[in-house]
Amino acid sequence: MSIYRRDSTNQLTARRAELADSLHKRLTQPTSIEHNGSRAQYAQATEAIKREIAEIDRELDRREGTPAQNRPFYVI
């Protein structure tokens, strides 16, 4: 069961837009800073954001009746 089942479609669409904006910012902003001879560098951890966007997409597809993709198909 998806954690997004209780959210409305409008809420999911808005959340997906926020996450896409966050991902874009994270990928386009600098990853290091230097001040007074000290330098700090941080990693661009985008995998969690990508997973959350994918989960929202799956929930929206489920609501539209679109079959899930990238899942194995088993013949029994």
N, C-alpha and C. Protein backbone atom coordinates (compact mmCIF):
# COMPACT_ATOMS: atom_id res chain seq x y z
N MET A 1 0.84 -1.18 0.00
CA MET A 1 0.00 0.00 0.00
C MET A 1 0.89 1.25 0.00
N SER A 2 0.56 2.16 -0.84
CA SER A 2 1.33 3.38 -0.99
C SER A 2 1.08 4.33 0.19
N ILE A 3 2.10 5.06 0.57
CA ILE A 3 1.93 6.02 1.66
C ILE A 3 1.14 7.24 1.18
N TYR A 4 0.91 7.33 -0.11
CA TYR A 4 0.22 8.48 -0.68
C TYR A 4 -1.25 8.21 -0.99
N ARG A 5 -1.78 7.07 -0.61
CA ARG A 5 -3.17 6.74 -0.95
C ARG A 5 -4.18 7.69 -0.34
N ARG A 6 -3.87 8.27 0.78
CA ARG A 6 -4.83 9.15 1.46
C ARG A 6 -4.78 10.58 0.96
N ASP A 7 -3.76 10.94 0.19
CA ASP A 7 -3.64 12.29 -0.35
C ASP A 7 -4.49 12.43 -1.61
N SER A 8 -4.99 13.63 -1.84
CA SER A 8 -5.76 13.88 -3.05
C SER A 8 -4.82 13.97 -4.25
N THR A 9 -5.39 13.87 -5.43
CA THR A 9 -4.60 13.96 -6.65
C THR A 9 -3.94 15.33 -6.75
N ASN A 10 -4.66 16.37 -6.37
CA ASN A 10 -4.07 17.72 -6.41
C ASN A 10 -2.90 17.83 -5.45
N GLN A 11 -3.02 17.24 -4.27
CA GLN A 11 -1.92 17.26 -3.30
C GLN A 11 -0.70 16.52 -3.85
N LEU A 12 -0.94 15.39 -4.49
CA LEU A 12 0.16 14.61 -5.05
C LEU A 12 0.85 15.35 -6.18
N THR A 13 0.05 15.99 -7.03
CA THR A 13 0.62 16.74 -8.14
C THR A 13 1.47 17.91 -7.63
N ALA A 14 0.97 18.60 -6.60
CA ALA A 14 1.72 19.71 -6.02
C ALA A 14 3.00 19.20 -5.35
N ARG A 15 2.91 18.08 -4.65
CA ARG A 15 4.08 17.51 -3.98
C ARG A 15 5.13 17.09 -5.01
N ARG A 16 4.69 16.50 -6.11
CA ARG A 16 5.62 16.09 -7.16
C ARG A 16 6.33 17.31 -7.76
N ALA A 17 5.59 18.40 -7.95
CA ALA A 17 6.19 19.62 -8.48
C ALA A 17 7.23 20.19 -7.51
N GLU A 18 6.93 20.16 -6.21
CA GLU A 18 7.88 20.63 -5.19
C GLU A 18 9.15 19.78 -5.20
N LEU A 19 8.97 18.47 -5.30
CA LEU A 19 10.12 17.57 -5.32
C LEU A 19 10.96 17.75 -6.58
N ALA A 20 10.31 17.94 -7.70
CA ALA A 20 11.05 18.16 -8.95
C ALA A 20 11.84 19.46 -8.86
N ASP A 21 11.25 20.49 -8.27
CA ASP A 21 11.96 21.76 -8.09
C ASP A 21 13.15 21.58 -7.15
N SER A 22 12.94 20.83 -6.08
CA SER A 22 14.02 20.56 -5.13
C SER A 22 15.16 19.78 -5.79
N LEU A 23 14.81 18.81 -6.60
CA LEU A 23 15.82 18.02 -7.31
C LEU A 23 16.59 18.90 -8.29
N HIS A 24 15.89 19.75 -8.99
CA HIS A 24 16.55 20.66 -9.93
C HIS A 24 17.53 21.59 -9.20
N LYS A 25 17.10 22.14 -8.09
CA LYS A 25 17.97 23.03 -7.31
C LYS A 25 19.21 22.29 -6.81
N ARG A 26 18.98 21.07 -6.33
CA ARG A 26 20.10 20.30 -5.80
C ARG A 26 21.11 19.95 -6.87
N LEU A 27 20.64 19.72 -8.07
CA LEU A 27 21.55 19.35 -9.16
C LEU A 27 22.23 20.55 -9.80
N THR A 28 21.68 21.74 -9.64
CA THR A 28 22.26 22.91 -10.31
C THR A 28 23.00 23.85 -9.39
N GLN A 29 22.85 23.72 -8.09
CA GLN A 29 23.55 24.61 -7.17
C GLN A 29 24.94 24.08 -6.87
N PRO A 30 25.84 24.96 -6.42
CA PRO A 30 27.20 24.52 -6.10
C PRO A 30 27.21 23.49 -4.98
N THR A 31 28.23 22.64 -5.02
CA THR A 31 28.34 21.58 -4.01
C THR A 31 29.43 21.86 -2.99
N SER A 32 30.07 23.00 -3.11
CA SER A 32 31.10 23.32 -2.12
C SER A 32 31.09 24.83 -1.86
N ILE A 33 31.64 25.17 -0.71
CA ILE A 33 31.72 26.57 -0.31
C ILE A 33 33.06 26.80 0.37
N GLU A 34 33.59 27.98 0.19
CA GLU A 34 34.86 28.32 0.82
C GLU A 34 34.72 29.68 1.48
N HIS A 35 35.19 29.78 2.72
CA HIS A 35 35.10 31.04 3.47
C HIS A 35 36.26 31.12 4.44
N ASN A 36 37.01 32.20 4.39
CA ASN A 36 38.16 32.42 5.28
C ASN A 36 39.14 31.26 5.30
N GLY A 37 39.40 30.70 4.15
CA GLY A 37 40.37 29.62 4.07
C GLY A 37 39.81 28.25 4.42
N SER A 38 38.59 28.18 4.90
CA SER A 38 37.96 26.89 5.20
C SER A 38 37.07 26.50 4.03
N ARG A 39 37.07 25.23 3.73
CA ARG A 39 36.27 24.75 2.62
C ARG A 39 35.40 23.59 3.08
N ALA A 40 34.16 23.63 2.65
CA ALA A 40 33.22 22.54 2.95
C ALA A 40 32.62 22.05 1.65
N GLN A 41 32.47 20.75 1.56
CA GLN A 41 31.88 20.16 0.38
C GLN A 41 30.82 19.16 0.83
N TYR A 42 29.71 19.13 0.14
CA TYR A 42 28.66 18.20 0.51
C TYR A 42 28.20 17.42 -0.72
N ALA A 43 27.65 16.27 -0.44
CA ALA A 43 27.21 15.38 -1.52
C ALA A 43 25.81 15.78 -1.98
N GLN A 44 25.55 15.55 -3.24
CA GLN A 44 24.22 15.80 -3.78
C GLN A 44 23.41 14.51 -3.71
N ALA A 45 22.87 14.21 -2.56
CA ALA A 45 22.09 12.99 -2.37
C ALA A 45 20.72 13.19 -3.00
N THR A 46 20.56 12.69 -4.22
CA THR A 46 19.31 12.87 -4.95
C THR A 46 18.47 11.60 -5.03
N GLU A 47 19.02 10.49 -4.60
CA GLU A 47 18.30 9.22 -4.74
C GLU A 47 16.99 9.19 -3.97
N ALA A 48 16.96 9.75 -2.78
CA ALA A 48 15.72 9.75 -1.98
C ALA A 48 14.64 10.58 -2.67
N ILE A 49 15.03 11.70 -3.25
CA ILE A 49 14.06 12.55 -3.95
C ILE A 49 13.54 11.82 -5.19
N LYS A 50 14.43 11.17 -5.92
CA LYS A 50 14.01 10.43 -7.11
C LYS A 50 13.06 9.29 -6.76
N ARG A 51 13.34 8.59 -5.65
CA ARG A 51 12.45 7.50 -5.22
C ARG A 51 11.07 8.03 -4.85
N GLU A 52 11.03 9.16 -4.17
CA GLU A 52 9.74 9.73 -3.76
C GLU A 52 8.94 10.19 -4.97
N ILE A 53 9.60 10.80 -5.94
CA ILE A 53 8.91 11.20 -7.17
C ILE A 53 8.36 9.96 -7.89
N ALA A 54 9.14 8.90 -7.95
CA ALA A 54 8.70 7.66 -8.60
C ALA A 54 7.50 7.06 -7.87
N GLU A 55 7.49 7.11 -6.55
CA GLU A 55 6.38 6.58 -5.77
C GLU A 55 5.11 7.38 -6.02
N ILE A 56 5.23 8.69 -6.10
CA ILE A 56 4.07 9.53 -6.40
C ILE A 56 3.57 9.24 -7.81
N ASP A 57 4.48 9.09 -8.77
CA ASP A 57 4.08 8.74 -10.14
C ASP A 57 3.33 7.42 -10.18
N ARG A 58 3.81 6.43 -9.44
CA ARG A 58 3.12 5.13 -9.40
C ARG A 58 1.71 5.28 -8.84
N GLU A 59 1.56 6.08 -7.80
CA GLU A 59 0.23 6.27 -7.20
C GLU A 59 -0.70 7.00 -8.18
N LEU A 60 -0.19 8.01 -8.86
CA LEU A 60 -1.01 8.72 -9.84
C LEU A 60 -1.39 7.81 -11.00
N ASP A 61 -0.45 6.98 -11.45
CA ASP A 61 -0.75 6.00 -12.50
C ASP A 61 -1.80 5.01 -12.06
N ARG A 62 -1.71 4.57 -10.81
CA ARG A 62 -2.70 3.63 -10.28
C ARG A 62 -4.09 4.24 -10.30
N ARG A 63 -4.18 5.50 -9.93
CA ARG A 63 -5.48 6.18 -9.91
C ARG A 63 -6.05 6.36 -11.32
N GLU A 64 -5.18 6.54 -12.30
CA GLU A 64 -5.62 6.72 -13.68
C GLU A 64 -5.88 5.38 -14.37
N GLY A 65 -5.52 4.30 -13.73
CA GLY A 65 -5.72 2.99 -14.33
C GLY A 65 -4.60 2.57 -15.25
N THR A 66 -3.51 3.30 -15.23
CA THR A 66 -2.36 2.96 -16.05
C THR A 66 -1.61 1.79 -15.40
N PRO A 67 -1.32 0.76 -16.16
CA PRO A 67 -0.60 -0.37 -15.55
C PRO A 67 0.78 0.03 -15.06
N ALA A 68 1.19 -0.59 -13.99
CA ALA A 68 2.52 -0.32 -13.42
C ALA A 68 3.60 -0.75 -14.40
N GLN A 69 4.67 0.01 -14.44
CA GLN A 69 5.78 -0.31 -15.31
C GLN A 69 6.99 -0.68 -14.48
N ASN A 70 7.96 -1.29 -15.14
CA ASN A 70 9.21 -1.70 -14.51
C ASN A 70 8.99 -2.71 -13.39
N ARG A 71 7.99 -3.52 -13.56
CA ARG A 71 7.77 -4.60 -12.59
C ARG A 71 7.88 -5.91 -13.34
N PRO A 72 8.37 -6.93 -12.67
CA PRO A 72 8.50 -8.22 -13.35
C PRO A 72 7.13 -8.82 -13.68
N PHE A 73 7.07 -9.56 -14.76
CA PHE A 73 5.86 -10.23 -15.17
C PHE A 73 6.09 -11.73 -15.01
N TYR A 74 5.32 -12.37 -14.17
CA TYR A 74 5.49 -13.77 -13.88
C TYR A 74 4.39 -14.59 -14.55
N VAL A 75 4.75 -15.65 -15.20
CA VAL A 75 3.79 -16.56 -15.80
C VAL A 75 3.78 -17.82 -14.95
N ILE A 76 2.61 -18.15 -14.49
CA ILE A 76 2.50 -19.34 -13.61
C ILE A 76 1.72 -20.42 -14.31
